[in-house]
C-alpha atoms as a PDB file:
ATOM      1  CA  MET A   1      23.853 -65.785 -91.445  1.00  0.00           C
ATOM      2  CA  ILE A   2      24.906 -64.641 -94.899  1.00  0.00           C
ATOM      3  CA  LYS A   3      22.057 -63.933 -97.305  1.00  0.00           C
ATOM      4  CA  LEU A   4      22.691 -64.760-100.965  1.00  0.00           C
ATOM      5  CA  HIS A   5      20.653 -62.601-103.335  1.00  0.00           C
ATOM      6  CA  GLY A   6      19.985 -63.627-106.934  1.00  0.00           C
ATOM      7  CA  PHE A   7      18.256 -66.332-108.921  1.00  0.00           C
ATOM      8  CA  ALA A   8      19.003 -69.889-109.993  1.00  0.00           C
ATOM      9  CA  LEU A   9      19.346 -69.174-113.728  1.00  0.00           C
ATOM     10  CA  SER A  10      22.406 -66.998-113.127  1.00  0.00           C
ATOM     11  CA  ASN A  11      25.659 -68.876-113.573  1.00  0.00           C
ATOM     12  CA  TYR A  12      27.471 -66.485-111.248  1.00  0.00           C
ATOM     13  CA  TYR A  13      24.787 -66.898-108.586  1.00  0.00           C
ATOM     14  CA  ASN A  14      25.174 -70.659-108.942  1.00  0.00           C
ATOM     15  CA  LYS A  15      28.941 -70.332-108.638  1.00  0.00           C
ATOM     16  CA  VAL A  16      28.670 -68.641-105.231  1.00  0.00           C
ATOM     17  CA  LYS A  17      25.882 -70.978-104.146  1.00  0.00           C
ATOM     18  CA  PHE A  18      27.983 -74.011-105.117  1.00  0.00           C
ATOM     19  CA  VAL A  19      30.907 -72.657-103.077  1.00  0.00           C
ATOM     20  CA  MET A  20      28.766 -72.149 -99.989  1.00  0.00           C
ATOM     21  CA  LEU A  21      27.137 -75.559-100.284  1.00  0.00           C
ATOM     22  CA  GLU A  22      30.379 -77.377-101.047  1.00  0.00           C
ATOM     23  CA  TYR A  23      32.307 -75.839 -98.182  1.00  0.00           C
ATOM     24  CA  GLY A  24      29.538 -75.908 -95.609  1.00  0.00           C
ATOM     25  CA  ILE A  25      29.003 -72.171 -95.228  1.00  0.00           C
ATOM     26  CA  ALA A  26      25.549 -71.432 -93.844  1.00  0.00           C
ATOM     27  CA  PHE A  27      23.453 -69.090 -95.966  1.00  0.00           C
ATOM     28  CA  GLU A  28      19.922 -68.069 -96.823  1.00  0.00           C
ATOM     29  CA  GLU A  29      18.740 -67.573-100.397  1.00  0.00           C
ATOM     30  CA  VAL A  30      16.856 -64.397-101.277  1.00  0.00           C
ATOM     31  CA  THR A  31      15.340 -64.115-104.749  1.00  0.00           C
ATOM     32  CA  ALA A  32      16.450 -61.009-106.633  1.00  0.00           C
ATOM     33  CA  LYS A  33      15.496 -60.702-110.290  1.00  0.00           C
ATOM     34  CA  LEU A  34      16.877 -58.390-112.967  1.00  0.00           C
ATOM     35  CA  PRO A  35      16.540 -55.500-113.447  1.00  0.00           C
ATOM     36  CA  LEU A  36      17.177 -54.668-109.819  1.00  0.00           C
ATOM     37  CA  SER A  37      15.011 -52.133-108.031  1.00  0.00           C
ATOM     38  CA  GLU A  38      16.348 -48.790-106.871  1.00  0.00           C
ATOM     39  CA  ALA A  39      16.642 -50.154-103.352  1.00  0.00           C
ATOM     40  CA  GLN A  40      18.574 -53.174-104.597  1.00  0.00           C
ATOM     41  CA  LEU A  41      20.925 -50.966-106.608  1.00  0.00           C
ATOM     42  CA  ALA A  42      22.112 -49.554-103.308  1.00  0.00           C
ATOM     43  CA  GLN A  43      22.973 -53.122-102.342  1.00  0.00           C
ATOM     44  CA  SER A  44      24.487 -54.152-105.684  1.00  0.00           C
ATOM     45  CA  PRO A  45      25.830 -50.977-107.342  1.00  0.00           C
ATOM     46  CA  THR A  46      26.862 -52.918-110.472  1.00  0.00           C
ATOM     47  CA  ALA A  47      23.186 -53.874-110.989  1.00  0.00           C
ATOM     48  CA  LYS A  48      24.103 -57.547-111.144  1.00  0.00           C
ATOM     49  CA  VAL A  49      23.531 -60.743-109.211  1.00  0.00           C
ATOM     50  CA  PRO A  50      24.668 -62.315-107.061  1.00  0.00           C
ATOM     51  CA  PHE A  51      25.235 -60.070-104.115  1.00  0.00           C
ATOM     52  CA  ILE A  52      25.445 -61.041-100.479  1.00  0.00           C
ATOM     53  CA  GLU A  53      24.227 -59.475 -97.264  1.00  0.00           C
ATOM     54  CA  THR A  54      26.558 -59.829 -94.288  1.00  0.00           C
ATOM     55  CA  GLU A  55      26.766 -58.420 -90.790  1.00  0.00           C
ATOM     56  CA  HIS A  56      28.976 -55.685 -92.266  1.00  0.00           C
ATOM     57  CA  GLY A  57      26.758 -54.795 -95.224  1.00  0.00           C
ATOM     58  CA  PHE A  58      26.318 -55.798 -98.852  1.00  0.00           C
ATOM     59  CA  LEU A  59      28.924 -57.106-101.283  1.00  0.00           C
ATOM     60  CA  CYS A  60      28.638 -57.737-105.032  1.00  0.00           C
ATOM     61  CA  GLU A  61      30.687 -59.364-107.832  1.00  0.00           C
ATOM     62  CA  SER A  62      30.920 -63.147-107.609  1.00  0.00           C
ATOM     63  CA  GLU A  63      34.700 -63.462-107.537  1.00  0.00           C
ATOM     64  CA  VAL A  64      34.978 -60.764-104.869  1.00  0.00           C
ATOM     65  CA  ILE A  65      32.373 -62.675-102.846  1.00  0.00           C
ATOM     66  CA  VAL A  66      34.334 -65.914-103.187  1.00  0.00           C
ATOM     67  CA  GLU A  67      37.542 -64.179-102.119  1.00  0.00           C
ATOM     68  CA  TYR A  68      35.692 -62.723 -99.122  1.00  0.00           C
ATOM     69  CA  LEU A  69      34.384 -66.165 -98.136  1.00  0.00           C
ATOM     70  CA  ALA A  70      37.871 -67.633 -98.497  1.00  0.00           C
ATOM     71  CA  ALA A  71      39.254 -64.938 -96.192  1.00  0.00           C
ATOM     72  CA  CYS A  72      36.451 -65.360 -93.640  1.00  0.00           C
ATOM     73  CA  TYR A  73      36.707 -69.142 -93.568  1.00  0.00           C
ATOM     74  CA  PRO A  74      40.413 -69.981 -94.054  1.00  0.00           C
ATOM     75  CA  GLU A  75      39.857 -73.402 -92.525  1.00  0.00           C
ATOM     76  CA  LYS A  76      37.632 -74.313 -95.502  1.00  0.00           C
ATOM     77  CA  HIS A  77      40.564 -74.048 -97.953  1.00  0.00           C
ATOM     78  CA  ILE A  78      38.403 -72.698-100.764  1.00  0.00           C
ATOM     79  CA  PHE A  79      41.681 -71.841-102.472  1.00  0.00           C
ATOM     80  CA  SER A  80      44.769 -73.993-102.082  1.00  0.00           C
ATOM     81  CA  ALA A  81      46.882 -73.285 -99.011  1.00  0.00           C
ATOM     82  CA  ASP A  82      49.943 -73.377-101.245  1.00  0.00           C
ATOM     83  CA  PRO A  83      50.516 -69.867-102.707  1.00  0.00           C
ATOM     84  CA  TRP A  84      51.645 -71.153-106.089  1.00  0.00           C
ATOM     85  CA  LYS A  85      48.745 -73.569-106.457  1.00  0.00           C
ATOM     86  CA  ALA A  86      46.312 -70.866-105.367  1.00  0.00           C
ATOM     87  CA  ALA A  87      47.764 -68.502-107.979  1.00  0.00           C
ATOM     88  CA  LYS A  88      47.345 -71.173-110.661  1.00  0.00           C
ATOM     89  CA  GLU A  89      43.726 -71.608-109.580  1.00  0.00           C
ATOM     90  CA  ARG A  90      43.144 -67.894-109.990  1.00  0.00           C
ATOM     91  CA  GLU A  91      44.856 -67.998-113.379  1.00  0.00           C
ATOM     92  CA  LEU A  92      42.416 -70.608-114.641  1.00  0.00           C
ATOM     93  CA  ILE A  93      39.469 -68.721-113.167  1.00  0.00           C
ATOM     94  CA  ALA A  94      40.553 -65.579-115.010  1.00  0.00           C
ATOM     95  CA  VAL A  95      40.747 -67.446-118.313  1.00  0.00           C
ATOM     96  CA  ILE A  96      37.354 -69.113-117.858  1.00  0.00           C
ATOM     97  CA  GLU A  97      35.445 -66.065-116.674  1.00  0.00           C
ATOM     98  CA  THR A  98      37.205 -63.134-118.325  1.00  0.00           C
ATOM     99  CA  HIS A  99      38.286 -64.636-121.633  1.00  0.00           C
ATOM    100  CA  LEU A 100      35.657 -67.321-122.279  1.00  0.00           C
ATOM    101  CA  GLU A 101      32.388 -66.593-120.465  1.00  0.00           C
ATOM    102  CA  LEU A 102      32.602 -62.812-120.680  1.00  0.00           C
ATOM    103  CA  ALA A 103      33.301 -63.029-124.413  1.00  0.00           C
ATOM    104  CA  VAL A 104      30.494 -65.463-125.156  1.00  0.00           C
ATOM    105  CA  ARG A 105      28.110 -63.401-123.001  1.00  0.00           C
ATOM    106  CA  GLU A 106      27.960 -60.957-125.911  1.00  0.00           C
ATOM    107  CA  LEU A 107      26.067 -63.662-127.806  1.00  0.00           C
ATOM    108  CA  TYR A 108      23.447 -64.430-125.152  1.00  0.00           C
ATOM    109  CA  ALA A 109      20.824 -62.016-126.456  1.00  0.00           C
ATOM    110  CA  GLU A 110      20.484 -64.030-129.654  1.00  0.00           C
ATOM    111  CA  ALA A 111      21.571 -67.431-128.375  1.00  0.00           C
ATOM    112  CA  PHE A 112      19.110 -67.605-125.482  1.00  0.00           C
ATOM    113  CA  PHE A 113      16.700 -64.668-125.421  1.00  0.00           C
ATOM    114  CA  GLY A 114      15.335 -64.190-128.934  1.00  0.00           C
ATOM    115  CA  GLY A 115      17.306 -61.039-129.702  1.00  0.00           C
ATOM    116  CA  THR A 116      19.877 -60.356-132.382  1.00  0.00           C
ATOM    117  CA  VAL A 117      23.634 -59.880-132.363  1.00  0.00           C
ATOM    118  CA  SER A 118      25.480 -58.124-135.165  1.00  0.00           C
ATOM    119  CA  ALA A 119      27.776 -59.937-137.558  1.00  0.00           C
ATOM    120  CA  ASP A 120      30.678 -57.808-136.333  1.00  0.00           C
ATOM    121  CA  VAL A 121      30.125 -58.886-132.734  1.00  0.00           C
ATOM    122  CA  LYS A 122      29.872 -62.529-133.775  1.00  0.00           C
ATOM    123  CA  ALA A 123      33.126 -62.283-135.711  1.00  0.00           C
ATOM    124  CA  SER A 124      34.881 -60.567-132.818  1.00  0.00           C
ATOM    125  CA  VAL A 125      33.688 -63.126-130.281  1.00  0.00           C
ATOM    126  CA  GLU A 126      34.687 -66.018-132.532  1.00  0.00           C
ATOM    127  CA  LYS A 127      38.208 -64.638-132.908  1.00  0.00           C
ATOM    128  CA  ARG A 128      38.631 -64.174-129.164  1.00  0.00           C
ATOM    129  CA  LEU A 129      37.195 -67.580-128.333  1.00  0.00           C
ATOM    130  CA  ASN A 130      39.490 -69.330-130.779  1.00  0.00           C
ATOM    131  CA  ARG A 131      42.440 -67.701-129.044  1.00  0.00           C
ATOM    132  CA  TYR A 132      41.405 -68.279-125.469  1.00  0.00           C
ATOM    133  CA  ILE A 133      39.965 -71.776-125.799  1.00  0.00           C
ATOM    134  CA  ALA A 134      43.466 -72.694-126.943  1.00  0.00           C
ATOM    135  CA  SER A 135      44.823 -70.942-123.837  1.00  0.00           C
ATOM    136  CA  PHE A 136      42.389 -72.837-121.635  1.00  0.00           C
ATOM    137  CA  LYS A 137      43.431 -76.150-123.177  1.00  0.00           C
ATOM    138  CA  ARG A 138      47.075 -75.422-122.385  1.00  0.00           C
ATOM    139  CA  LEU A 139      46.216 -74.781-118.731  1.00  0.00           C
ATOM    140  CA  ALA A 140      43.460 -77.308-118.014  1.00  0.00           C
ATOM    141  CA  LYS A 141      44.234 -80.922-117.147  1.00  0.00           C
ATOM    142  CA  PHE A 142      40.845 -82.681-116.788  1.00  0.00           C
ATOM    143  CA  ALA A 143      42.490 -85.474-114.821  1.00  0.00           C
ATOM    144  CA  PRO A 144      39.594 -85.760-114.028  1.00  0.00           C
ATOM    145  CA  TYR A 145      39.282 -82.231-112.607  1.00  0.00           C
ATOM    146  CA  VAL A 146      40.271 -79.042-114.392  1.00  0.00           C
ATOM    147  CA  GLY A 147      43.322 -78.504-112.191  1.00  0.00           C
ATOM    148  CA  GLY A 148      44.328 -82.162-111.945  1.00  0.00           C
ATOM    149  CA  GLU A 149      43.468 -84.980-109.566  1.00  0.00           C
ATOM    150  CA  GLN A 150      41.857 -82.848-106.845  1.00  0.00           C
ATOM    151  CA  PHE A 151      38.513 -81.056-106.940  1.00  0.00           C
ATOM    152  CA  GLY A 152      38.793 -77.338-106.279  1.00  0.00           C
ATOM    153  CA  ILE A 153      37.406 -73.858-106.765  1.00  0.00           C
ATOM    154  CA  VAL A 154      38.290 -73.921-110.467  1.00  0.00           C
ATOM    155  CA  ASP A 155      35.842 -76.781-110.945  1.00  0.00           C
ATOM    156  CA  ILE A 156      33.048 -74.736-109.421  1.00  0.00           C
ATOM    157  CA  VAL A 157      33.794 -71.922-111.855  1.00  0.00           C
ATOM    158  CA  ALA A 158      34.046 -74.311-114.809  1.00  0.00           C
ATOM    159  CA  PHE A 159      30.804 -76.015-113.812  1.00  0.00           C
ATOM    160  CA  ALA A 160      29.012 -72.682-113.872  1.00  0.00           C
ATOM    161  CA  SER A 161      30.453 -71.314-117.124  1.00  0.00           C
ATOM    162  CA  LEU A 162      31.665 -73.970-119.570  1.00  0.00           C
ATOM    163  CA  PRO A 163      28.183 -75.205-120.588  1.00  0.00           C
ATOM    164  CA  LEU A 164      27.221 -71.647-121.525  1.00  0.00           C
ATOM    165  CA  VAL A 165      30.272 -71.316-123.766  1.00  0.00           C
ATOM    166  CA  ALA A 166      29.367 -74.548-125.519  1.00  0.00           C
ATOM    167  CA  MET A 167      25.645 -73.898-125.855  1.00  0.00           C
ATOM    168  CA  ALA A 168      25.990 -70.299-127.008  1.00  0.00           C
ATOM    169  CA  THR A 169      28.536 -71.134-129.702  1.00  0.00           C
ATOM    170  CA  LYS A 170      26.396 -74.020-130.879  1.00  0.00           C
ATOM    171  CA  ALA A 171      23.368 -71.728-131.101  1.00  0.00           C
ATOM    172  CA  ILE A 172      25.163 -68.909-132.945  1.00  0.00           C
ATOM    173  CA  TYR A 173      27.755 -70.650-135.104  1.00  0.00           C
ATOM    174  CA  GLY A 174      26.256 -74.126-135.387  1.00  0.00           C
ATOM    175  CA  ARG A 175      29.363 -75.538-133.695  1.00  0.00           C
ATOM    176  CA  ASP A 176      30.134 -76.313-130.086  1.00  0.00           C
ATOM    177  CA  PHE A 177      33.536 -74.640-129.873  1.00  0.00           C
ATOM    178  CA  LEU A 178      34.603 -76.590-126.779  1.00  0.00           C
ATOM    179  CA  SER A 179      33.740 -80.027-128.138  1.00  0.00           C
ATOM    180  CA  GLU A 180      35.265 -79.071-131.475  1.00  0.00           C
ATOM    181  CA  GLU A 181      38.568 -78.485-129.688  1.00  0.00           C
ATOM    182  CA  GLY A 182      38.421 -81.834-127.909  1.00  0.00           C
ATOM    183  CA  ILE A 183      37.120 -80.568-124.556  1.00  0.00           C
ATOM    184  CA  ASP A 184      34.609 -83.189-123.390  1.00  0.00           C
ATOM    185  CA  TRP A 185      32.679 -80.831-121.148  1.00  0.00           C
ATOM    186  CA  LYS A 186      29.601 -83.060-121.002  1.00  0.00           C
ATOM    187  CA  ARG A 187      31.571 -85.928-119.480  1.00  0.00           C
ATOM    188  CA  TYR A 188      33.228 -83.473-117.125  1.00  0.00           C
ATOM    189  CA  MET A 189      29.857 -82.098-115.993  1.00  0.00           C
ATOM    190  CA  LYS A 190      28.719 -85.617-115.111  1.00  0.00           C
ATOM    191  CA  VAL A 191      31.829 -86.034-112.949  1.00  0.00           C
ATOM    192  CA  ILE A 192      31.134 -82.798-111.099  1.00  0.00           C
ATOM    193  CA  GLU A 193      27.421 -83.506-110.702  1.00  0.00           C
ATOM    194  CA  GLU A 194      28.315 -86.562-108.630  1.00  0.00           C
ATOM    195  CA  ARG A 195      29.025 -84.083-105.837  1.00  0.00           C
ATOM    196  CA  PRO A 196      25.932 -83.356-103.709  1.00  0.00           C
ATOM    197  CA  ALA A 197      26.454 -79.585-103.870  1.00  0.00           C
ATOM    198  CA  ALA A 198      26.613 -79.621-107.671  1.00  0.00           C
ATOM    199  CA  ALA A 199      23.577 -81.885-107.886  1.00  0.00           C
ATOM    200  CA  ARG A 200      21.655 -79.461-105.655  1.00  0.00           C
ATOM    201  CA  VAL A 201      22.621 -76.465-107.794  1.00  0.00           C
ATOM    202  CA  SER A 202      21.587 -78.271-110.982  1.00  0.00           C
ATOM    203  CA  ALA A 203      18.289 -79.449-109.505  1.00  0.00           C
ATOM    204  CA  ASP A 204      17.403 -75.976-108.247  1.00  0.00           C
ATOM    205  CA  ARG A 205      18.244 -74.474-111.633  1.00  0.00           C
ATOM    206  CA  LYS A 206      16.023 -77.000-113.442  1.00  0.00           C
ATOM    207  CA  ALA A 207      13.202 -76.412-110.981  1.00  0.00           C
ATOM    208  CA  SER A 208      13.497 -72.676-111.570  1.00  0.00           C
ATOM    209  CA  ILE A 209      13.182 -73.192-115.326  1.00  0.00           C
ATOM    210  CA  VAL A 210      10.067 -75.332-114.860  1.00  0.00           C
ATOM    211  CA  ALA A 211       8.553 -72.780-112.504  1.00  0.00           C
ATOM    212  CA  GLY A 212       9.418 -69.913-114.824  1.00  0.00           C
ATOM    213  CA  ILE A 213      11.306 -68.082-112.087  1.00  0.00           C
END
């Protein structure tokens, strides 16, 4: 059985967990907190969570893990069977994770952890977010799912990352950049949380906050 290492406050951990729950892939959760120990660094060389333990060894980076699961379980159709649709799913994932979440991550120290972020970083992030939120709007459909009428892997990624974009921008700039651009992410989250796997991920995350884990 695959072992999923990480913790429930990590959006990328929750992304992989959501995938495994949604598509019925058996796994065991193993708590791994940051910073990782020397032994864990041998398992996750990037010093990040999540990472998984398989019969072949350890694997890190959430999108690599998802691609691995998709290859191991082709019958699950984690990505669309149609090559074009699958490519469009990956396009949206790249925009969400690389151009939105990775940019706003530079704000987390001040937004969520009591640190400070320089004015230059804030200005740079704001400029990039303005550009790529517009890109996301051109690609996303929200009908009701990000890619259209069918739930898919993009929704798992959006579920994990969009709230962080909204909350971090609200905390730093006093404005929720997503809502400001007409993206009703709160309504969308309610749609996704109707799925048992999403509800489980959300409940475990809330329980972790309460427990201080």
